[in-house]
Structures are given as C-alpha cells and as structure tokens.
Protein backbone atom coordinates (compact mmCIF):
# COMPACT_ATOMS: atom_id res chain seq x y z
CA MET A 1 -104.07 -58.29 -101.10
CA ALA A 2 -105.33 -56.70 -97.89
CA ALA A 3 -104.82 -59.96 -95.98
CA ALA A 4 -101.26 -60.29 -97.36
CA CYS A 5 -100.48 -56.66 -96.48
CA ASP A 6 -101.71 -57.19 -92.91
CA ARG A 7 -99.63 -60.33 -92.64
CA HIS A 8 -96.50 -58.53 -93.89
CA GLN A 9 -97.14 -55.63 -91.55
CA ALA A 10 -97.49 -58.07 -88.64
CA ILE A 11 -94.16 -59.74 -89.50
CA LEU A 12 -92.41 -56.36 -89.78
CA GLU A 13 -93.85 -55.19 -86.48
CA TYR A 14 -92.67 -58.44 -84.84
CA LEU A 15 -89.10 -58.21 -86.23
CA SER A 16 -88.82 -54.55 -85.29
CA GLY A 17 -90.02 -55.30 -81.80
CA LEU A 18 -87.01 -57.59 -81.23
CA GLY A 19 -84.66 -54.59 -81.34
CA SER A 20 -81.12 -54.89 -82.70
CA THR A 21 -81.29 -58.69 -82.93
CA PHE A 22 -83.14 -58.63 -86.25
CA ALA A 23 -82.72 -54.93 -87.16
CA GLN A 24 -81.10 -55.64 -90.55
CA SER A 25 -83.69 -58.28 -91.36
CA ALA A 26 -86.48 -55.88 -90.45
CA THR A 27 -85.05 -53.13 -92.68
CA ALA A 28 -84.56 -55.49 -95.62
CA PHE A 29 -88.06 -56.95 -95.24
CA GLN A 30 -89.55 -53.44 -94.98
CA GLN A 31 -87.88 -52.36 -98.22
CA ASP A 32 -88.77 -55.53 -100.13
CA ALA A 33 -92.40 -55.45 -98.98
CA GLY A 34 -92.76 -51.72 -99.49
CA LEU A 35 -94.00 -51.13 -95.96
CA THR A 36 -93.76 -48.25 -93.52
CA MET A 37 -93.28 -48.62 -89.79
CA ALA A 38 -96.29 -47.81 -87.63
CA GLY A 39 -95.92 -44.79 -85.42
CA GLU A 40 -95.93 -45.11 -81.63
CA SER A 41 -99.42 -43.62 -81.52
CA ASP A 42 -100.77 -46.20 -83.98
CA THR A 43 -101.90 -49.01 -81.64
CA THR A 44 -103.96 -50.80 -84.29
CA LYS A 45 -100.85 -52.56 -85.63
CA THR A 46 -99.31 -53.35 -82.24
CA GLY A 47 -98.96 -57.08 -81.50
CA LEU A 48 -100.50 -58.09 -84.83
CA LEU A 49 -98.48 -61.29 -85.19
CA GLU A 50 -99.22 -62.40 -81.62
CA LYS A 51 -102.92 -61.70 -82.14
CA LYS A 52 -102.93 -63.71 -85.36
CA TRP A 53 -101.11 -66.58 -83.64
CA THR A 54 -103.63 -66.52 -80.79
CA SER A 55 -106.45 -66.62 -83.33
CA VAL A 56 -104.85 -69.60 -85.07
CA VAL A 57 -104.50 -71.48 -81.77
CA ARG A 58 -108.12 -70.72 -80.90
CA LEU A 59 -109.28 -71.94 -84.29
CA GLN A 60 -107.18 -75.09 -83.97
CA ARG A 61 -108.78 -75.83 -80.62
CA LYS A 62 -112.23 -75.32 -82.12
CA VAL A 63 -111.35 -77.62 -85.03
CA MET A 64 -110.21 -80.32 -82.58
CA GLU A 65 -113.46 -80.03 -80.61
CA LEU A 66 -115.53 -80.30 -83.78
CA GLU A 67 -113.50 -83.29 -84.99
CA SER A 68 -114.13 -84.99 -81.64
CA LYS A 69 -117.87 -84.33 -81.95
CA ILE A 70 -117.87 -85.65 -85.51
CA GLN A 71 -116.13 -88.82 -84.36
CA GLN A 72 -118.70 -89.30 -81.59
CA LEU A 73 -121.56 -88.71 -84.02
CA GLU A 74 -120.08 -91.26 -86.41
CA GLU A 75 -119.94 -93.81 -83.58
CA ASP A 76 -123.54 -93.00 -82.64
CA SER A 77 -124.54 -93.32 -86.28
CA LYS A 78 -123.11 -96.84 -86.44
CA LEU A 79 -125.22 -97.78 -83.42
CA GLY A 80 -128.48 -96.15 -84.31
CA GLY A 81 -128.47 -94.85 -87.86
CA VAL A 82 -128.02 -91.26 -88.98
CA VAL A 83 -127.70 -88.94 -86.00
CA SER A 84 -128.99 -85.42 -86.44
CA ARG A 85 -128.60 -82.46 -84.13
CA ARG A 86 -132.06 -83.22 -82.80
CA ASP A 87 -130.81 -86.71 -81.91
CA VAL A 88 -127.78 -85.35 -80.05
CA THR A 89 -129.90 -83.09 -77.86
CA GLY A 90 -132.47 -85.83 -77.34
CA ILE A 91 -135.29 -83.78 -78.85
CA GLY A 92 -137.66 -85.83 -80.95
CA ARG A 93 -136.03 -89.15 -80.09
CA ASP A 94 -137.66 -92.21 -78.62
CA PRO A 95 -136.32 -92.51 -75.03
CA SER A 96 -136.17 -96.28 -75.48
CA THR A 97 -133.25 -95.78 -77.89
CA PHE A 98 -131.11 -93.83 -75.41
CA LEU A 99 -127.85 -95.55 -74.42
CA PRO A 100 -125.17 -94.27 -72.00
CA ARG A 101 -121.89 -93.08 -73.44
CA ALA A 102 -118.50 -92.03 -72.07
CA PRO A 103 -117.22 -89.81 -70.64
CA PRO A 104 -119.60 -88.91 -67.78
CA LYS A 105 -121.39 -85.60 -68.17
CA TYR A 106 -119.88 -84.65 -64.81
CA SER A 107 -118.89 -86.25 -61.51
CA MET A 108 -120.42 -85.20 -58.22
CA SER A 109 -118.26 -85.25 -55.11
CA GLY A 110 -119.38 -84.59 -51.56
CA HIS A 111 -119.75 -87.84 -49.65
CA ARG A 112 -116.88 -88.72 -47.31
CA SER A 113 -117.25 -92.50 -47.69
CA PRO A 114 -118.31 -95.01 -50.40
CA ILE A 115 -121.71 -94.57 -52.07
CA THR A 116 -124.25 -97.29 -51.28
CA CYS A 117 -127.32 -96.32 -53.33
CA VAL A 118 -128.36 -93.88 -56.07
CA VAL A 119 -131.91 -93.15 -57.26
CA PHE A 120 -133.50 -90.61 -59.58
CA HIS A 121 -136.34 -88.54 -58.19
CA PRO A 122 -139.54 -89.57 -60.01
CA VAL A 123 -140.77 -86.00 -60.52
CA PHE A 124 -137.91 -83.49 -60.34
CA SER A 125 -134.57 -83.47 -62.13
CA VAL A 126 -132.53 -84.53 -59.12
CA VAL A 127 -130.56 -87.55 -57.95
CA VAL A 128 -130.61 -88.84 -54.37
CA THR A 129 -127.60 -90.72 -52.99
CA SER A 130 -126.74 -92.52 -49.77
CA SER A 131 -123.37 -93.37 -48.32
CA GLU A 132 -121.38 -95.17 -45.68
CA ASP A 133 -120.83 -91.69 -44.18
CA ALA A 134 -124.39 -91.94 -42.73
CA THR A 135 -125.77 -89.13 -44.90
CA ILE A 136 -128.18 -88.75 -47.81
CA LYS A 137 -127.51 -86.07 -50.43
CA ILE A 138 -129.75 -84.50 -53.05
CA TRP A 139 -128.12 -83.29 -56.28
CA GLU A 140 -129.34 -81.25 -59.24
CA VAL A 141 -128.99 -83.35 -62.39
CA GLU A 142 -128.26 -80.42 -64.71
CA SER A 143 -125.62 -78.69 -62.58
CA GLY A 144 -124.29 -81.47 -60.37
CA TYR A 145 -124.77 -79.14 -57.38
CA CYS A 146 -125.63 -80.66 -54.00
CA THR A 147 -128.75 -78.84 -52.81
CA GLN A 148 -129.33 -80.67 -49.55
CA THR A 149 -127.76 -83.11 -47.10
CA LEU A 150 -130.04 -85.20 -44.88
CA LYS A 151 -128.52 -86.24 -41.56
CA GLY A 152 -130.21 -88.56 -39.10
CA HIS A 153 -128.59 -91.98 -39.28
CA SER A 154 -125.73 -92.90 -36.96
CA ASP A 155 -124.13 -95.47 -39.29
CA TRP A 156 -124.07 -96.56 -42.95
CA VAL A 157 -127.18 -95.84 -45.00
CA ARG A 158 -127.62 -98.96 -47.14
CA ASP A 159 -130.80 -98.35 -49.12
CA ILE A 160 -133.13 -95.50 -50.04
CA CYS A 161 -136.46 -95.41 -51.89
CA ILE A 162 -138.84 -92.62 -52.90
CA THR A 163 -142.63 -92.59 -53.11
CA ASP A 164 -143.89 -92.47 -56.69
CA ASP A 165 -145.22 -88.93 -56.19
CA GLY A 166 -141.75 -87.83 -55.05
CA GLN A 167 -142.88 -86.37 -51.72
CA PHE A 168 -141.26 -88.80 -49.28
CA LEU A 169 -138.08 -90.82 -48.98
CA ALA A 170 -137.32 -93.81 -46.77
CA SER A 171 -133.81 -94.83 -45.74
CA GLY A 172 -132.40 -97.75 -43.82
CA GLY A 173 -129.00 -99.00 -42.80
CA ASN A 174 -126.56 -100.32 -40.26
CA ASP A 175 -128.09 -98.46 -37.31
CA ARG A 176 -131.18 -100.73 -37.71
CA ALA A 177 -133.40 -97.68 -38.18
CA ILE A 178 -135.81 -96.89 -41.02
CA THR A 179 -136.25 -93.14 -41.39
CA LEU A 180 -139.05 -91.41 -43.30
CA TRP A 181 -138.12 -88.01 -44.75
CA ASP A 182 -140.31 -85.19 -46.02
CA LEU A 183 -138.30 -84.05 -49.05
CA ALA A 184 -140.00 -80.67 -49.34
CA GLN A 185 -139.03 -79.80 -45.78
CA GLY A 186 -135.77 -81.73 -45.81
CA LYS A 187 -136.39 -83.26 -42.41
CA ALA A 188 -137.13 -86.63 -40.82
CA ILE A 189 -140.77 -87.09 -39.84
CA GLN A 190 -140.76 -90.70 -38.62
CA CYS A 191 -138.32 -93.36 -37.43
CA MET A 192 -139.02 -97.10 -37.20
CA ARG A 193 -136.71 -99.23 -35.03
CA GLU A 194 -138.23 -102.71 -34.81
CA HIS A 195 -135.53 -104.54 -36.77
CA GLU A 196 -132.87 -106.32 -34.71
CA HIS A 197 -130.10 -106.13 -37.31
CA VAL A 198 -128.96 -104.10 -40.33
CA VAL A 199 -131.74 -102.92 -42.66
CA GLU A 200 -130.74 -104.07 -46.16
CA THR A 201 -133.63 -103.16 -48.44
CA LEU A 202 -136.79 -101.03 -48.73
CA GLN A 203 -139.70 -100.47 -51.10
CA PHE A 204 -142.78 -98.25 -51.05
CA ALA A 205 -146.07 -99.54 -52.42
CA ALA A 206 -147.05 -97.67 -55.56
CA ARG A 207 -150.27 -95.72 -55.75
CA GLY A 208 -153.03 -97.30 -57.80
CA PRO A 209 -154.01 -100.98 -57.68
CA GLN A 210 -150.96 -102.00 -55.63
CA GLY A 211 -151.51 -99.46 -52.87
CA ALA A 212 -155.28 -99.87 -53.02
CA ALA A 213 -155.01 -103.61 -52.38
CA ILE A 214 -152.90 -103.08 -49.27
CA GLU A 215 -155.20 -100.30 -48.13
CA ALA A 216 -158.18 -102.63 -48.45
CA ILE A 217 -156.43 -105.15 -46.21
CA HIS A 218 -154.84 -102.90 -43.59
CA GLY A 219 -156.48 -99.48 -44.02
CA LYS A 220 -159.06 -100.07 -41.29
CA LYS A 221 -156.39 -101.07 -38.78
CA VAL A 222 -154.31 -98.02 -39.64
CA ALA A 223 -157.29 -95.70 -39.29
CA GLU A 224 -158.37 -97.21 -35.97
CA THR A 225 -154.86 -97.22 -34.51
CA THR A 226 -153.52 -93.90 -35.76
CA GLY A 227 -156.59 -91.91 -36.78
CA GLN A 228 -155.00 -91.34 -40.20
CA THR A 229 -157.00 -91.34 -43.41
CA VAL A 230 -153.92 -91.35 -45.69
CA ALA A 231 -151.30 -94.10 -45.51
CA ARG A 232 -147.94 -94.94 -47.08
CA TYR A 233 -147.07 -98.61 -47.07
CA LEU A 234 -143.44 -99.66 -46.88
CA LEU A 235 -141.65 -103.02 -47.04
CA SER A 236 -138.31 -103.63 -45.37
CA GLY A 237 -135.88 -106.53 -45.34
CA SER A 238 -133.16 -107.06 -42.77
CA ARG A 239 -130.24 -109.17 -41.68
CA ASP A 240 -132.46 -110.24 -38.79
CA ARG A 241 -134.01 -112.58 -41.42
CA THR A 242 -137.40 -110.85 -41.39
CA VAL A 243 -139.51 -108.93 -43.87
CA ARG A 244 -141.73 -106.25 -42.36
CA LEU A 245 -144.69 -104.23 -43.61
CA TRP A 246 -145.12 -100.72 -42.20
CA GLU A 247 -147.47 -97.78 -42.36
CA ALA A 248 -144.68 -95.26 -42.75
CA PHE A 249 -146.45 -92.05 -41.62
CA SER A 250 -147.28 -93.44 -38.20
CA GLY A 251 -144.44 -95.96 -37.96
CA LEU A 252 -147.03 -98.66 -37.29
CA LEU A 253 -145.72 -102.20 -37.85
CA LEU A 254 -148.49 -104.05 -39.69
CA MET A 255 -146.90 -107.43 -40.44
CA ASN A 256 -143.71 -109.27 -39.54
CA PHE A 257 -143.00 -112.03 -42.06
CA VAL A 258 -140.72 -114.66 -40.51
CA SER A 259 -139.55 -117.56 -42.68
CA HIS A 260 -136.02 -116.98 -44.02
CA ASP A 261 -132.97 -118.72 -42.57
CA ASN A 262 -130.46 -116.02 -43.51
CA TRP A 263 -130.14 -112.32 -44.34
CA VAL A 264 -132.92 -110.80 -46.47
CA ARG A 265 -131.27 -108.89 -49.30
CA ALA A 266 -134.20 -107.66 -51.42
CA VAL A 267 -137.95 -107.08 -51.07
CA ARG A 268 -140.65 -106.11 -53.56
CA PHE A 269 -144.41 -105.81 -53.57
CA HIS A 270 -146.24 -108.05 -56.00
CA SER A 271 -147.84 -105.92 -58.73
CA SER A 272 -151.26 -106.79 -57.28
CA GLY A 273 -150.26 -105.52 -53.84
CA LYS A 274 -151.50 -108.72 -52.22
CA TYR A 275 -148.08 -110.30 -51.73
CA ALA A 276 -144.61 -109.39 -50.53
CA ILE A 277 -141.72 -111.12 -52.31
CA SER A 278 -138.24 -111.47 -50.85
CA ALA A 279 -134.81 -112.79 -51.81
CA SER A 280 -132.36 -114.04 -49.24
CA GLU A 281 -128.91 -115.40 -48.62
CA ASP A 282 -130.61 -118.70 -47.75
CA LYS A 283 -130.82 -119.10 -51.58
CA THR A 284 -134.62 -118.88 -51.59
CA ILE A 285 -137.31 -116.63 -52.99
CA ARG A 286 -140.31 -116.42 -50.68
CA VAL A 287 -143.80 -115.06 -51.27
CA PHE A 288 -145.81 -113.79 -48.29
CA ASP A 289 -149.53 -113.12 -48.12
CA VAL A 290 -149.89 -109.50 -47.00
CA GLU A 291 -153.20 -110.23 -45.25
CA SER A 292 -152.44 -113.44 -43.36
CA GLY A 293 -148.68 -113.08 -43.05
CA ARG A 294 -148.14 -116.68 -44.17
CA CYS A 295 -145.42 -117.75 -46.58
CA VAL A 296 -147.48 -119.09 -49.47
CA ARG A 297 -144.63 -120.10 -51.79
CA THR A 298 -140.93 -120.88 -51.47
CA LEU A 299 -138.56 -121.35 -54.39
CA LYS A 300 -135.65 -123.28 -52.91
CA ASP A 301 -132.17 -123.22 -54.43
CA ALA A 302 -133.21 -120.34 -56.66
CA HIS A 303 -129.48 -119.83 -57.21
CA SER A 304 -126.37 -121.79 -56.32
CA HIS A 305 -125.18 -118.98 -54.04
CA PHE A 306 -126.62 -116.12 -51.98
CA LEU A 307 -129.37 -114.09 -53.68
CA THR A 308 -128.56 -110.39 -53.68
CA THR A 309 -131.37 -108.67 -55.56
CA LEU A 310 -134.78 -109.09 -57.19
CA ASP A 311 -137.38 -107.10 -59.04
CA VAL A 312 -140.96 -107.62 -60.22
CA HIS A 313 -142.07 -106.55 -63.69
CA PRO A 314 -144.73 -103.81 -63.36
CA SER A 315 -147.11 -105.35 -65.91
CA LEU A 316 -145.87 -108.74 -67.12
CA PRO A 317 -145.94 -111.92 -64.97
CA LEU A 318 -142.16 -111.97 -64.58
CA LEU A 319 -139.68 -111.87 -61.72
CA VAL A 320 -135.91 -111.39 -62.01
CA THR A 321 -133.22 -112.26 -59.46
CA GLY A 322 -129.46 -111.84 -59.20
CA SER A 323 -126.93 -113.74 -57.15
CA ILE A 324 -123.33 -114.00 -56.06
CA ASP A 325 -123.20 -117.00 -58.42
CA LYS A 326 -122.98 -114.41 -61.25
CA PHE A 327 -126.27 -115.51 -62.81
CA VAL A 328 -129.43 -113.50 -63.45
CA ASN A 329 -132.56 -115.67 -63.41
CA VAL A 330 -135.91 -114.69 -64.91
CA TRP A 331 -138.95 -116.44 -63.44
CA GLU A 332 -142.46 -116.80 -64.85
CA CYS A 333 -145.32 -116.16 -62.44
CA VAL A 334 -148.17 -118.62 -62.97
C-alpha cells in the first residue's frame, strides 16, 4: 500500500506541476485517490515521478550490463566448462587455459606513427612498444597510462627485446643503431653502430646455461678488453646480411657471422648458447658456431618465399619458422 500511495502521490505532483494544462485531471485524480497536495515547504515529495523514472532507467542499464555479462559467461562456459566468479577474475585458474576475448580491455594511444613491436616486461606489469615515430614507450598494463618515452633513435625502431631480469632493453631500427637502455633510469647507456643497413631483429641471451655457455667462450675476451666482470650478450640481424654477437654493456663486437645472401629477418640463440640461428630472405635457416664463427648448418629452401621469423623452443628440440609463403614450419633438431 505504501508503494502504491507513493506512486499516486508522484503522479499527482507531476500533473499539478504542469499547471493549467492538466489542472482538471489533477483535481479528479486527487479526489479519486484520496490524496492531499504537498505544501511548498514539503520538499520530500518534490520531483517524485522524475526520481522514480531516473531510478528505473538506472536499473534498466544495470540489467543490460548484467545480461551482457551473463551472455559472455555462457560463451566462456561453452569453451571451458562452468565459469565461476573466480574464473572470471582469473583467480585459481590454470594460466594455460586463458584465451583472449573481445573487446580489448582498453586501447593505448600515444605513438605518432605505426607500431612496430610490442613486448611484455618479464618482471613488472608493463608493456613496452616501439614505433615508426622513432620512440619507445612504456605503459602500465592495469591503467593503460604511458609512464615513460625513450628517445634516442633518429628513424624507425623496428625491434626491441628485454633482458630476462627486466633491467635492460635493446632496440634497433632504420638508423642502423642498436641502443642499450637502462630501464630503471630511463636512459641510453650504450650505442652500437657496426651494422651497414637497417637492424631488423635482436635477442638477448638468457641467464643460466645459455648465457653461461657464451660466457665460457667469450668471457675472457670481454674481461681483458673492457675490464668488466658482468656481461650481457646480444644477437642482432640486419639487412646488411650479417648476424652479429655483442657484449652489450661495452658495445664490444664479439663475432660477425657472414653467410646469408639477403636480409636477415630473425635471430635466436640456441638453447645451449653454443649456436646462433638465423632466418633470412634468402629462404635459408643458418646455424652459426658462436665460438668459431663458422656456419655449421644451412637449411636451403626452408620456405618457398622469404623467411620472416623464427623461434627456438626453450626445452624441446624444436624450431619454428614463418614465411611470406603463408606457411609455418616446425623443424626437429637432431
């Protein structure tokens, strides 16, 4: 009864507020409903109908949002079974079951030209991006806020990579330079300019067996030449058809692997650290001995068109390559 009385009072207040237009209707409704008009000092009944309408609209919006969430949960349920609230937030779920879904959580805008590379930081919740605008930007994953812009290149930045401890970043691009950045300080600490053409690809050696193997081969030379006791080993591939091995802190060029007949598009360290593997637009995969510098294996016609990318499995004896020919090839290492 109280709800009905409030509703009637709201209708009467609304009709009365329209003046002479609905004066007779207001009087008739007041008599039939047995209501009294609120005094001017009684503000509790002012705008009751508008307030109720606003509440209805707000509730409708909430219902639509909940229906949308239910629909999304039903879709998720079809893919991976019953989805609980814990599943939606990611708590308690196996990360291997995570799949991307639309729409994007948010879009980050700040670069003035096309994006060339994106990588997650291995330690902190940030994303690092590079662009044709010659800059590198660091973004917070949770907020989408750009916290830092690194400037040092004079042309496109084509590739970026981060050390596995997250302390340093290397970048290379059209200006033929490879720049080493201290991420904590946000500044460049080394620049390597030996390449004669665009730098296409970079990779740091991981700590552990991979880095230890390279250290065993080149550590003495680095120590004698630079006086350093700590080294960071970096591979680079370029359109000058070479693959190069660097000690990044000092900028010391340790090896120059020359064998390809066209642009080098991707480089990776072998999981053992003893070899450098490259993919090129000459349609070959080549394996270089990090100690001698010799090409110890060539896979010719690895694809029917230019190779564009490759990766080495971290634990299994497998290699994967991609090409302009639209194929992805998986290779066994024996």
